[in-house]
Amino acid sequence: MPGLIGKKIGMTSVFSADGKNVPCTVIEAGPCVVTQVKTIEKDGYEAIQLGFEDKKESSVTKPEAGLFKKVGTTPKYHLVEFKGFDSSVKASDVITVDMFSDTTWVDVIGRSKGKGFQGVVKRHGFGGVGQITHGQHNRQRKPGSIGACSYPARVFKGLRMGGQTGDERVTIQNLEILKIIPENNLILLKGSVPGAKGSIVIVNK
Protein backbone atom coordinates (compact mmCIF):
# COMPACT_ATOMS: atom_id res chain seq x y z
CA MET A 1 0.00 0.00 0.00
CA PRO A 2 1.22 3.54 -0.69
CA GLY A 3 2.26 5.50 2.36
CA LEU A 4 4.82 7.72 4.04
CA ILE A 5 7.51 7.49 6.70
CA GLY A 6 6.81 9.72 9.69
CA LYS A 7 7.78 10.59 13.23
CA LYS A 8 5.48 10.46 16.25
CA ILE A 9 5.43 13.94 17.78
CA GLY A 10 3.10 13.19 20.68
CA MET A 11 -0.55 13.22 21.70
CA THR A 12 -3.07 16.02 22.09
CA SER A 13 -6.81 16.51 21.74
CA VAL A 14 -9.07 18.46 19.40
CA PHE A 15 -12.73 19.38 19.48
CA SER A 16 -15.03 17.80 16.91
CA ALA A 17 -17.83 19.60 15.10
CA ASP A 18 -20.36 18.47 17.72
CA GLY A 19 -18.20 19.73 20.61
CA LYS A 20 -16.65 16.44 21.72
CA ASN A 21 -13.04 16.41 22.92
CA VAL A 22 -11.28 13.78 20.79
CA PRO A 23 -7.81 12.41 21.73
CA CYS A 24 -5.42 12.24 18.81
CA THR A 25 -1.80 11.55 17.88
CA VAL A 26 0.29 14.09 15.98
CA ILE A 27 2.59 12.62 13.33
CA GLU A 28 5.12 14.46 11.20
CA ALA A 29 4.61 12.59 7.91
CA GLY A 30 7.32 13.35 5.35
CA PRO A 31 8.38 15.00 3.26
CA CYS A 32 9.94 11.84 1.87
CA VAL A 33 12.26 11.63 -1.14
CA VAL A 34 11.99 8.83 -3.69
CA THR A 35 15.48 7.33 -3.51
CA GLN A 36 14.87 4.31 -5.77
CA VAL A 37 12.24 2.93 -8.14
CA LYS A 38 12.11 -0.88 -8.33
CA THR A 39 10.84 -2.48 -11.53
CA ILE A 40 9.86 -6.02 -12.52
CA GLU A 41 12.45 -6.08 -15.30
CA LYS A 42 15.37 -5.21 -13.03
CA ASP A 43 14.33 -6.21 -9.50
CA GLY A 44 11.53 -8.74 -10.03
CA TYR A 45 8.86 -6.62 -8.35
CA GLU A 46 7.45 -3.11 -8.42
CA ALA A 47 7.99 -0.74 -5.50
CA ILE A 48 9.45 2.62 -4.62
CA GLN A 49 11.93 3.34 -1.85
CA LEU A 50 11.37 6.45 0.25
CA GLY A 51 13.94 8.22 2.42
CA PHE A 52 13.18 10.28 5.53
CA GLU A 53 15.27 12.55 7.80
CA ASP A 54 18.65 13.93 6.72
CA LYS A 55 21.82 12.16 7.78
CA LYS A 56 25.45 13.33 7.97
CA GLU A 57 27.48 12.40 4.91
CA SER A 58 30.30 11.23 7.19
CA SER A 59 27.98 8.53 8.58
CA VAL A 60 27.08 7.03 5.19
CA THR A 61 28.73 3.97 3.65
CA LYS A 62 30.11 4.18 0.12
CA PRO A 63 27.27 2.14 -1.47
CA GLU A 64 24.68 4.33 0.26
CA ALA A 65 26.53 7.49 -0.75
CA GLY A 66 26.47 6.33 -4.37
CA LEU A 67 22.72 5.73 -4.19
CA PHE A 68 21.96 9.19 -2.79
CA LYS A 69 24.40 10.87 -5.19
CA LYS A 70 22.72 9.18 -8.15
CA VAL A 71 19.34 10.53 -7.04
CA GLY A 72 20.77 13.94 -6.20
CA THR A 73 19.55 14.17 -2.60
CA THR A 74 21.11 14.35 0.85
CA PRO A 75 21.67 11.06 2.73
CA LYS A 76 18.67 9.79 4.68
CA TYR A 77 18.42 7.92 7.97
CA HIS A 78 15.34 5.84 7.22
CA LEU A 79 14.62 3.94 4.00
CA VAL A 80 11.35 2.06 3.49
CA GLU A 81 9.84 0.41 0.41
CA PHE A 82 6.19 0.90 -0.54
CA LYS A 83 4.05 -0.79 -3.16
CA GLY A 84 0.99 0.52 -4.96
CA PHE A 85 2.28 3.98 -5.89
CA ASP A 86 1.37 5.54 -9.22
CA SER A 87 3.73 4.55 -12.06
CA SER A 88 4.36 8.24 -12.77
CA VAL A 89 6.48 8.56 -9.58
CA LYS A 90 10.17 8.94 -10.41
CA ALA A 91 13.42 9.00 -8.46
CA SER A 92 14.16 12.27 -6.62
CA ASP A 93 10.43 13.13 -6.43
CA VAL A 94 9.27 14.49 -3.07
CA ILE A 95 6.15 12.91 -1.51
CA THR A 96 4.37 15.07 1.06
CA VAL A 97 1.48 14.65 3.47
CA ASP A 98 -0.85 15.98 0.76
CA MET A 99 -1.12 12.42 -0.54
CA PHE A 100 -3.58 11.75 2.32
CA SER A 101 -5.86 14.68 1.41
CA ASP A 102 -8.41 12.30 -0.16
CA THR A 103 -8.02 9.59 2.51
CA THR A 104 -10.16 9.06 5.62
CA TRP A 105 -8.61 5.94 7.17
CA VAL A 106 -4.98 4.82 7.47
CA ASP A 107 -2.93 1.99 8.98
CA VAL A 108 0.05 2.86 11.18
CA ILE A 109 3.05 0.60 11.80
CA GLY A 110 5.38 1.35 14.69
CA ARG A 111 7.55 -0.25 17.34
CA SER A 112 5.93 -0.52 20.76
CA LYS A 113 7.61 0.73 23.92
CA GLY A 114 9.93 -1.80 25.52
CA LYS A 115 8.89 -2.73 29.07
CA GLY A 116 11.60 -5.24 29.91
CA PHE A 117 10.87 -8.48 31.78
CA GLN A 118 7.28 -8.56 33.03
CA GLY A 119 5.14 -11.12 34.82
CA VAL A 120 2.05 -12.87 33.51
CA VAL A 121 -0.43 -10.37 34.96
CA LYS A 122 1.03 -7.44 33.02
CA ARG A 123 2.19 -9.42 29.99
CA HIS A 124 -0.86 -11.63 29.37
CA GLY A 125 -3.59 -10.22 31.62
CA PHE A 126 -3.72 -13.11 34.10
CA GLY A 127 -6.00 -12.56 37.08
CA GLY A 128 -3.66 -13.96 39.70
CA VAL A 129 -3.99 -17.13 41.76
CA GLY A 130 -5.93 -17.93 44.91
CA GLN A 131 -7.17 -15.79 47.75
CA ILE A 132 -5.34 -13.33 49.94
CA THR A 133 -6.33 -15.06 53.21
CA HIS A 134 -5.72 -18.47 54.83
CA GLY A 135 -1.97 -18.23 54.98
CA GLN A 136 -1.51 -17.39 51.31
CA HIS A 137 0.63 -14.27 51.14
CA ASN A 138 2.92 -14.34 48.08
CA ARG A 139 1.00 -15.86 45.17
CA GLN A 140 -1.32 -13.06 44.03
CA ARG A 141 0.49 -12.36 40.74
CA LYS A 142 1.96 -15.80 40.05
CA PRO A 143 1.04 -17.93 36.98
CA GLY A 144 0.08 -21.10 38.85
CA SER A 145 0.83 -24.57 37.46
CA ILE A 146 2.72 -24.59 34.15
CA GLY A 147 2.93 -28.29 33.28
CA ALA A 148 1.89 -31.88 33.93
CA CYS A 149 3.22 -33.85 36.91
CA SER A 150 4.08 -37.19 35.29
CA TYR A 151 3.40 -37.14 31.55
CA PRO A 152 4.65 -35.52 29.37
CA ALA A 153 6.75 -34.16 32.28
CA ARG A 154 7.73 -31.05 30.37
CA VAL A 155 6.45 -27.57 29.63
CA PHE A 156 4.86 -27.15 26.20
CA LYS A 157 6.32 -24.60 23.84
CA GLY A 158 4.36 -21.35 23.62
CA LEU A 159 3.01 -21.51 27.16
CA ARG A 160 2.16 -18.03 28.40
CA MET A 161 4.73 -17.10 31.02
CA GLY A 162 6.69 -14.07 32.16
CA GLY A 163 9.25 -12.61 29.78
CA GLN A 164 10.34 -9.73 27.55
CA THR A 165 7.42 -7.40 26.89
CA GLY A 166 7.06 -4.74 24.22
CA ASP A 167 9.68 -3.54 21.74
CA GLU A 168 7.99 -5.30 18.83
CA ARG A 169 6.49 -4.29 15.50
CA VAL A 170 2.82 -3.37 15.93
CA THR A 171 0.24 -2.43 13.29
CA ILE A 172 -2.85 -0.41 14.18
CA GLN A 173 -5.51 -0.55 11.46
CA ASN A 174 -8.25 1.88 10.47
CA LEU A 175 -7.22 5.04 12.30
CA GLU A 176 -9.31 8.04 11.33
CA ILE A 177 -7.61 11.15 9.96
CA LEU A 178 -8.93 14.14 11.93
CA LYS A 179 -6.87 16.89 10.32
CA ILE A 180 -3.97 17.49 7.94
CA ILE A 181 -1.67 20.51 8.28
CA PRO A 182 0.33 20.56 5.00
CA GLU A 183 2.44 23.62 5.83
CA ASN A 184 3.95 21.77 8.82
CA ASN A 185 3.81 18.24 7.33
CA LEU A 186 1.55 17.16 10.19
CA ILE A 187 -1.28 14.65 10.28
CA LEU A 188 -3.63 14.20 13.26
CA LEU A 189 -4.95 10.66 13.81
CA LYS A 190 -7.75 9.71 16.16
CA GLY A 191 -6.52 7.62 19.09
CA SER A 192 -3.04 6.33 19.85
CA VAL A 193 -0.30 4.75 17.77
CA PRO A 194 2.51 2.44 18.95
CA GLY A 195 5.85 3.86 19.99
CA ALA A 196 7.34 6.61 22.14
CA LYS A 197 7.62 10.28 21.27
CA GLY A 198 10.12 10.76 18.47
CA SER A 199 9.86 7.17 17.23
CA ILE A 200 9.57 6.38 13.53
CA VAL A 201 6.24 5.14 12.17
CA ILE A 202 4.92 4.11 8.75
CA VAL A 203 1.57 5.52 7.69
CA ASN A 204 -0.19 3.52 4.96
CA LYS A 205 -3.35 4.30 3.02
C-alpha atoms as a PDB file:
ATOM      1  CA  MET A   1       0.000   0.000   0.000  1.00  0.00           C
ATOM      2  CA  PRO A   2       1.222   3.539  -0.692  1.00  0.00           C
ATOM      3  CA  GLY A   3       2.258   5.498   2.359  1.00  0.00           C
ATOM      4  CA  LEU A   4       4.823   7.718   4.040  1.00  0.00           C
ATOM      5  CA  ILE A   5       7.509   7.494   6.704  1.00  0.00           C
ATOM      6  CA  GLY A   6       6.810   9.720   9.686  1.00  0.00           C
ATOM      7  CA  LYS A   7       7.777  10.586  13.231  1.00  0.00           C
ATOM      8  CA  LYS A   8       5.483  10.464  16.246  1.00  0.00           C
ATOM      9  CA  ILE A   9       5.434  13.942  17.776  1.00  0.00           C
ATOM     10  CA  GLY A  10       3.098  13.194  20.683  1.00  0.00           C
ATOM     11  CA  MET A  11      -0.549  13.223  21.702  1.00  0.00           C
ATOM     12  CA  THR A  12      -3.068  16.022  22.094  1.00  0.00           C
ATOM     13  CA  SER A  13      -6.812  16.506  21.738  1.00  0.00           C
ATOM     14  CA  VAL A  14      -9.074  18.458  19.396  1.00  0.00           C
ATOM     15  CA  PHE A  15     -12.732  19.376  19.484  1.00  0.00           C
ATOM     16  CA  SER A  16     -15.026  17.803  16.909  1.00  0.00           C
ATOM     17  CA  ALA A  17     -17.828  19.602  15.096  1.00  0.00           C
ATOM     18  CA  ASP A  18     -20.360  18.466  17.719  1.00  0.00           C
ATOM     19  CA  GLY A  19     -18.199  19.726  20.612  1.00  0.00           C
ATOM     20  CA  LYS A  20     -16.649  16.436  21.724  1.00  0.00           C
ATOM     21  CA  ASN A  21     -13.037  16.413  22.924  1.00  0.00           C
ATOM     22  CA  VAL A  22     -11.281  13.781  20.791  1.00  0.00           C
ATOM     23  CA  PRO A  23      -7.812  12.414  21.734  1.00  0.00           C
ATOM     24  CA  CYS A  24      -5.422  12.244  18.811  1.00  0.00           C
ATOM     25  CA  THR A  25      -1.803  11.549  17.875  1.00  0.00           C
ATOM     26  CA  VAL A  26       0.289  14.088  15.978  1.00  0.00           C
ATOM     27  CA  ILE A  27       2.593  12.619  13.328  1.00  0.00           C
ATOM     28  CA  GLU A  28       5.116  14.465  11.196  1.00  0.00           C
ATOM     29  CA  ALA A  29       4.614  12.590   7.909  1.00  0.00           C
ATOM     30  CA  GLY A  30       7.319  13.346   5.353  1.00  0.00           C
ATOM     31  CA  PRO A  31       8.383  15.001   3.262  1.00  0.00           C
ATOM     32  CA  CYS A  32       9.936  11.837   1.866  1.00  0.00           C
ATOM     33  CA  VAL A  33      12.256  11.633  -1.138  1.00  0.00           C
ATOM     34  CA  VAL A  34      11.988   8.827  -3.686  1.00  0.00           C
ATOM     35  CA  THR A  35      15.477   7.328  -3.515  1.00  0.00           C
ATOM     36  CA  GLN A  36      14.872   4.315  -5.771  1.00  0.00           C
ATOM     37  CA  VAL A  37      12.242   2.935  -8.142  1.00  0.00           C
ATOM     38  CA  LYS A  38      12.115  -0.878  -8.332  1.00  0.00           C
ATOM     39  CA  THR A  39      10.837  -2.483 -11.535  1.00  0.00           C
ATOM     40  CA  ILE A  40       9.859  -6.019 -12.524  1.00  0.00           C
ATOM     41  CA  GLU A  41      12.454  -6.081 -15.299  1.00  0.00           C
ATOM     42  CA  LYS A  42      15.368  -5.207 -13.025  1.00  0.00           C
ATOM     43  CA  ASP A  43      14.330  -6.209  -9.504  1.00  0.00           C
ATOM     44  CA  GLY A  44      11.531  -8.741 -10.032  1.00  0.00           C
ATOM     45  CA  TYR A  45       8.859  -6.619  -8.351  1.00  0.00           C
ATOM     46  CA  GLU A  46       7.445  -3.107  -8.419  1.00  0.00           C
ATOM     47  CA  ALA A  47       7.989  -0.736  -5.503  1.00  0.00           C
ATOM     48  CA  ILE A  48       9.452   2.615  -4.618  1.00  0.00           C
ATOM     49  CA  GLN A  49      11.930   3.335  -1.852  1.00  0.00           C
ATOM     50  CA  LEU A  50      11.366   6.454   0.255  1.00  0.00           C
ATOM     51  CA  GLY A  51      13.939   8.218   2.422  1.00  0.00           C
ATOM     52  CA  PHE A  52      13.177  10.282   5.527  1.00  0.00           C
ATOM     53  CA  GLU A  53      15.275  12.548   7.799  1.00  0.00           C
ATOM     54  CA  ASP A  54      18.648  13.926   6.722  1.00  0.00           C
ATOM     55  CA  LYS A  55      21.824  12.155   7.778  1.00  0.00           C
ATOM     56  CA  LYS A  56      25.446  13.329   7.965  1.00  0.00           C
ATOM     57  CA  GLU A  57      27.482  12.403   4.910  1.00  0.00           C
ATOM     58  CA  SER A  58      30.298  11.234   7.188  1.00  0.00           C
ATOM     59  CA  SER A  59      27.975   8.529   8.577  1.00  0.00           C
ATOM     60  CA  VAL A  60      27.078   7.029   5.192  1.00  0.00           C
ATOM     61  CA  THR A  61      28.731   3.969   3.652  1.00  0.00           C
ATOM     62  CA  LYS A  62      30.108   4.180   0.116  1.00  0.00           C
ATOM     63  CA  PRO A  63      27.270   2.141  -1.473  1.00  0.00           C
ATOM     64  CA  GLU A  64      24.680   4.327   0.263  1.00  0.00           C
ATOM     65  CA  ALA A  65      26.532   7.492  -0.755  1.00  0.00           C
ATOM     66  CA  GLY A  66      26.466   6.329  -4.366  1.00  0.00           C
ATOM     67  CA  LEU A  67      22.719   5.732  -4.185  1.00  0.00           C
ATOM     68  CA  PHE A  68      21.960   9.187  -2.795  1.00  0.00           C
ATOM     69  CA  LYS A  69      24.400  10.870  -5.185  1.00  0.00           C
ATOM     70  CA  LYS A  70      22.719   9.184  -8.146  1.00  0.00           C
ATOM     71  CA  VAL A  71      19.344  10.525  -7.036  1.00  0.00           C
ATOM     72  CA  GLY A  72      20.767  13.943  -6.198  1.00  0.00           C
ATOM     73  CA  THR A  73      19.554  14.172  -2.602  1.00  0.00           C
ATOM     74  CA  THR A  74      21.109  14.355   0.850  1.00  0.00           C
ATOM     75  CA  PRO A  75      21.671  11.064   2.734  1.00  0.00           C
ATOM     76  CA  LYS A  76      18.666   9.793   4.676  1.00  0.00           C
ATOM     77  CA  TYR A  77      18.423   7.919   7.971  1.00  0.00           C
ATOM     78  CA  HIS A  78      15.336   5.838   7.217  1.00  0.00           C
ATOM     79  CA  LEU A  79      14.620   3.943   3.996  1.00  0.00           C
ATOM     80  CA  VAL A  80      11.349   2.058   3.490  1.00  0.00           C
ATOM     81  CA  GLU A  81       9.839   0.409   0.411  1.00  0.00           C
ATOM     82  CA  PHE A  82       6.189   0.898  -0.536  1.00  0.00           C
ATOM     83  CA  LYS A  83       4.049  -0.793  -3.157  1.00  0.00           C
ATOM     84  CA  GLY A  84       0.989   0.521  -4.961  1.00  0.00           C
ATOM     85  CA  PHE A  85       2.282   3.977  -5.890  1.00  0.00           C
ATOM     86  CA  ASP A  86       1.373   5.537  -9.220  1.00  0.00           C
ATOM     87  CA  SER A  87       3.729   4.548 -12.056  1.00  0.00           C
ATOM     88  CA  SER A  88       4.363   8.238 -12.767  1.00  0.00           C
ATOM     89  CA  VAL A  89       6.483   8.561  -9.583  1.00  0.00           C
ATOM     90  CA  LYS A  90      10.169   8.943 -10.414  1.00  0.00           C
ATOM     91  CA  ALA A  91      13.424   8.996  -8.456  1.00  0.00           C
ATOM     92  CA  SER A  92      14.161  12.274  -6.616  1.00  0.00           C
ATOM     93  CA  ASP A  93      10.434  13.133  -6.425  1.00  0.00           C
ATOM     94  CA  VAL A  94       9.272  14.487  -3.065  1.00  0.00           C
ATOM     95  CA  ILE A  95       6.151  12.914  -1.515  1.00  0.00           C
ATOM     96  CA  THR A  96       4.366  15.068   1.059  1.00  0.00           C
ATOM     97  CA  VAL A  97       1.478  14.653   3.469  1.00  0.00           C
ATOM     98  CA  ASP A  98      -0.846  15.984   0.758  1.00  0.00           C
ATOM     99  CA  MET A  99      -1.116  12.420  -0.541  1.00  0.00           C
ATOM    100  CA  PHE A 100      -3.578  11.752   2.324  1.00  0.00           C
ATOM    101  CA  SER A 101      -5.859  14.680   1.411  1.00  0.00           C
ATOM    102  CA  ASP A 102      -8.408  12.301  -0.163  1.00  0.00           C
ATOM    103  CA  THR A 103      -8.021   9.593   2.507  1.00  0.00           C
ATOM    104  CA  THR A 104     -10.163   9.055   5.620  1.00  0.00           C
ATOM    105  CA  TRP A 105      -8.608   5.944   7.173  1.00  0.00           C
ATOM    106  CA  VAL A 106      -4.977   4.824   7.472  1.00  0.00           C
ATOM    107  CA  ASP A 107      -2.932   1.991   8.982  1.00  0.00           C
ATOM    108  CA  VAL A 108       0.048   2.861  11.180  1.00  0.00           C
ATOM    109  CA  ILE A 109       3.048   0.601  11.797  1.00  0.00           C
ATOM    110  CA  GLY A 110       5.384   1.347  14.690  1.00  0.00           C
ATOM    111  CA  ARG A 111       7.546  -0.249  17.342  1.00  0.00           C
ATOM    112  CA  SER A 112       5.929  -0.521  20.762  1.00  0.00           C
ATOM    113  CA  LYS A 113       7.608   0.733  23.921  1.00  0.00           C
ATOM    114  CA  GLY A 114       9.933  -1.802  25.520  1.00  0.00           C
ATOM    115  CA  LYS A 115       8.892  -2.725  29.070  1.00  0.00           C
ATOM    116  CA  GLY A 116      11.605  -5.242  29.911  1.00  0.00           C
ATOM    117  CA  PHE A 117      10.866  -8.481  31.775  1.00  0.00           C
ATOM    118  CA  GLN A 118       7.278  -8.565  33.026  1.00  0.00           C
ATOM    119  CA  GLY A 119       5.144 -11.122  34.824  1.00  0.00           C
ATOM    120  CA  VAL A 120       2.054 -12.871  33.507  1.00  0.00           C
ATOM    121  CA  VAL A 121      -0.426 -10.373  34.963  1.00  0.00           C
ATOM    122  CA  LYS A 122       1.025  -7.444  33.019  1.00  0.00           C
ATOM    123  CA  ARG A 123       2.190  -9.418  29.989  1.00  0.00           C
ATOM    124  CA  HIS A 124      -0.857 -11.627  29.375  1.00  0.00           C
ATOM    125  CA  GLY A 125      -3.585 -10.225  31.618  1.00  0.00           C
ATOM    126  CA  PHE A 126      -3.721 -13.107  34.097  1.00  0.00           C
ATOM    127  CA  GLY A 127      -5.995 -12.559  37.079  1.00  0.00           C
ATOM    128  CA  GLY A 128      -3.661 -13.957  39.697  1.00  0.00           C
ATOM    129  CA  VAL A 129      -3.994 -17.133  41.762  1.00  0.00           C
ATOM    130  CA  GLY A 130      -5.932 -17.931  44.910  1.00  0.00           C
ATOM    131  CA  GLN A 131      -7.172 -15.795  47.752  1.00  0.00           C
ATOM    132  CA  ILE A 132      -5.336 -13.332  49.944  1.00  0.00           C
ATOM    133  CA  THR A 133      -6.333 -15.060  53.207  1.00  0.00           C
ATOM    134  CA  HIS A 134      -5.721 -18.470  54.832  1.00  0.00           C
ATOM    135  CA  GLY A 135      -1.969 -18.234  54.983  1.00  0.00           C
ATOM    136  CA  GLN A 136      -1.514 -17.388  51.310  1.00  0.00           C
ATOM    137  CA  HIS A 137       0.630 -14.273  51.141  1.00  0.00           C
ATOM    138  CA  ASN A 138       2.917 -14.344  48.083  1.00  0.00           C
ATOM    139  CA  ARG A 139       1.003 -15.859  45.173  1.00  0.00           C
ATOM    140  CA  GLN A 140      -1.322 -13.064  44.030  1.00  0.00           C
ATOM    141  CA  ARG A 141       0.494 -12.363  40.742  1.00  0.00           C
ATOM    142  CA  LYS A 142       1.955 -15.805  40.046  1.00  0.00           C
ATOM    143  CA  PRO A 143       1.043 -17.932  36.980  1.00  0.00           C
ATOM    144  CA  GLY A 144       0.085 -21.105  38.850  1.00  0.00           C
ATOM    145  CA  SER A 145       0.828 -24.568  37.457  1.00  0.00           C
ATOM    146  CA  ILE A 146       2.722 -24.590  34.155  1.00  0.00           C
ATOM    147  CA  GLY A 147       2.929 -28.294  33.283  1.00  0.00           C
ATOM    148  CA  ALA A 148       1.894 -31.880  33.935  1.00  0.00           C
ATOM    149  CA  CYS A 149       3.222 -33.851  36.912  1.00  0.00           C
ATOM    150  CA  SER A 150       4.079 -37.189  35.293  1.00  0.00           C
ATOM    151  CA  TYR A 151       3.399 -37.136  31.547  1.00  0.00           C
ATOM    152  CA  PRO A 152       4.647 -35.521  29.372  1.00  0.00           C
ATOM    153  CA  ALA A 153       6.750 -34.158  32.279  1.00  0.00           C
ATOM    154  CA  ARG A 154       7.729 -31.054  30.373  1.00  0.00           C
ATOM    155  CA  VAL A 155       6.447 -27.567  29.634  1.00  0.00           C
ATOM    156  CA  PHE A 156       4.856 -27.150  26.205  1.00  0.00           C
ATOM    157  CA  LYS A 157       6.320 -24.601  23.842  1.00  0.00           C
ATOM    158  CA  GLY A 158       4.365 -21.352  23.621  1.00  0.00           C
ATOM    159  CA  LEU A 159       3.010 -21.509  27.165  1.00  0.00           C
ATOM    160  CA  ARG A 160       2.164 -18.027  28.398  1.00  0.00           C
ATOM    161  CA  MET A 161       4.731 -17.095  31.025  1.00  0.00           C
ATOM    162  CA  GLY A 162       6.693 -14.072  32.156  1.00  0.00           C
ATOM    163  CA  GLY A 163       9.251 -12.606  29.781  1.00  0.00           C
ATOM    164  CA  GLN A 164      10.339  -9.733  27.554  1.00  0.00           C
ATOM    165  CA  THR A 165       7.421  -7.397  26.893  1.00  0.00           C
ATOM    166  CA  GLY A 166       7.061  -4.739  24.215  1.00  0.00           C
ATOM    167  CA  ASP A 167       9.684  -3.536  21.743  1.00  0.00           C
ATOM    168  CA  GLU A 168       7.989  -5.302  18.826  1.00  0.00           C
ATOM    169  CA  ARG A 169       6.487  -4.289  15.499  1.00  0.00           C
ATOM    170  CA  VAL A 170       2.817  -3.375  15.927  1.00  0.00           C
ATOM    171  CA  THR A 171       0.238  -2.433  13.289  1.00  0.00           C
ATOM    172  CA  ILE A 172      -2.852  -0.406  14.184  1.00  0.00           C
ATOM    173  CA  GLN A 173      -5.507  -0.549  11.464  1.00  0.00           C
ATOM    174  CA  ASN A 174      -8.245   1.879  10.473  1.00  0.00           C
ATOM    175  CA  LEU A 175      -7.221   5.044  12.297  1.00  0.00           C
ATOM    176  CA  GLU A 176      -9.309   8.045  11.325  1.00  0.00           C
ATOM    177  CA  ILE A 177      -7.614  11.149   9.958  1.00  0.00           C
ATOM    178  CA  LEU A 178      -8.927  14.135  11.927  1.00  0.00           C
ATOM    179  CA  LYS A 179      -6.869  16.892  10.317  1.00  0.00           C
ATOM    180  CA  ILE A 180      -3.972  17.487   7.939  1.00  0.00           C
ATOM    181  CA  ILE A 181      -1.666  20.512   8.277  1.00  0.00           C
ATOM    182  CA  PRO A 182       0.330  20.562   5.004  1.00  0.00           C
ATOM    183  CA  GLU A 183       2.439  23.624   5.831  1.00  0.00           C
ATOM    184  CA  ASN A 184       3.952  21.772   8.820  1.00  0.00           C
ATOM    185  CA  ASN A 185       3.809  18.239   7.333  1.00  0.00           C
ATOM    186  CA  LEU A 186       1.548  17.156  10.188  1.00  0.00           C
ATOM    187  CA  ILE A 187      -1.279  14.654  10.284  1.00  0.00           C
ATOM    188  CA  LEU A 188      -3.628  14.197  13.264  1.00  0.00           C
ATOM    189  CA  LEU A 189      -4.950  10.664  13.810  1.00  0.00           C
ATOM    190  CA  LYS A 190      -7.754   9.714  16.165  1.00  0.00           C
ATOM    191  CA  GLY A 191      -6.524   7.618  19.086  1.00  0.00           C
ATOM    192  CA  SER A 192      -3.043   6.332  19.849  1.00  0.00           C
ATOM    193  CA  VAL A 193      -0.300   4.749  17.770  1.00  0.00           C
ATOM    194  CA  PRO A 194       2.506   2.444  18.949  1.00  0.00           C
ATOM    195  CA  GLY A 195       5.848   3.864  19.991  1.00  0.00           C
ATOM    196  CA  ALA A 196       7.338   6.610  22.144  1.00  0.00           C
ATOM    197  CA  LYS A 197       7.623  10.284  21.274  1.00  0.00           C
ATOM    198  CA  GLY A 198      10.118  10.765  18.467  1.00  0.00           C
ATOM    199  CA  SER A 199       9.859   7.171  17.229  1.00  0.00           C
ATOM    200  CA  ILE A 200       9.571   6.380  13.532  1.00  0.00           C
ATOM    201  CA  VAL A 201       6.237   5.137  12.171  1.00  0.00           C
ATOM    202  CA  ILE A 202       4.923   4.112   8.751  1.00  0.00           C
ATOM    203  CA  VAL A 203       1.565   5.519   7.688  1.00  0.00           C
ATOM    204  CA  ASN A 204      -0.192   3.516   4.957  1.00  0.00           C
ATOM    205  CA  LYS A 205      -3.347   4.297   3.016  1.00  0.00           C
END
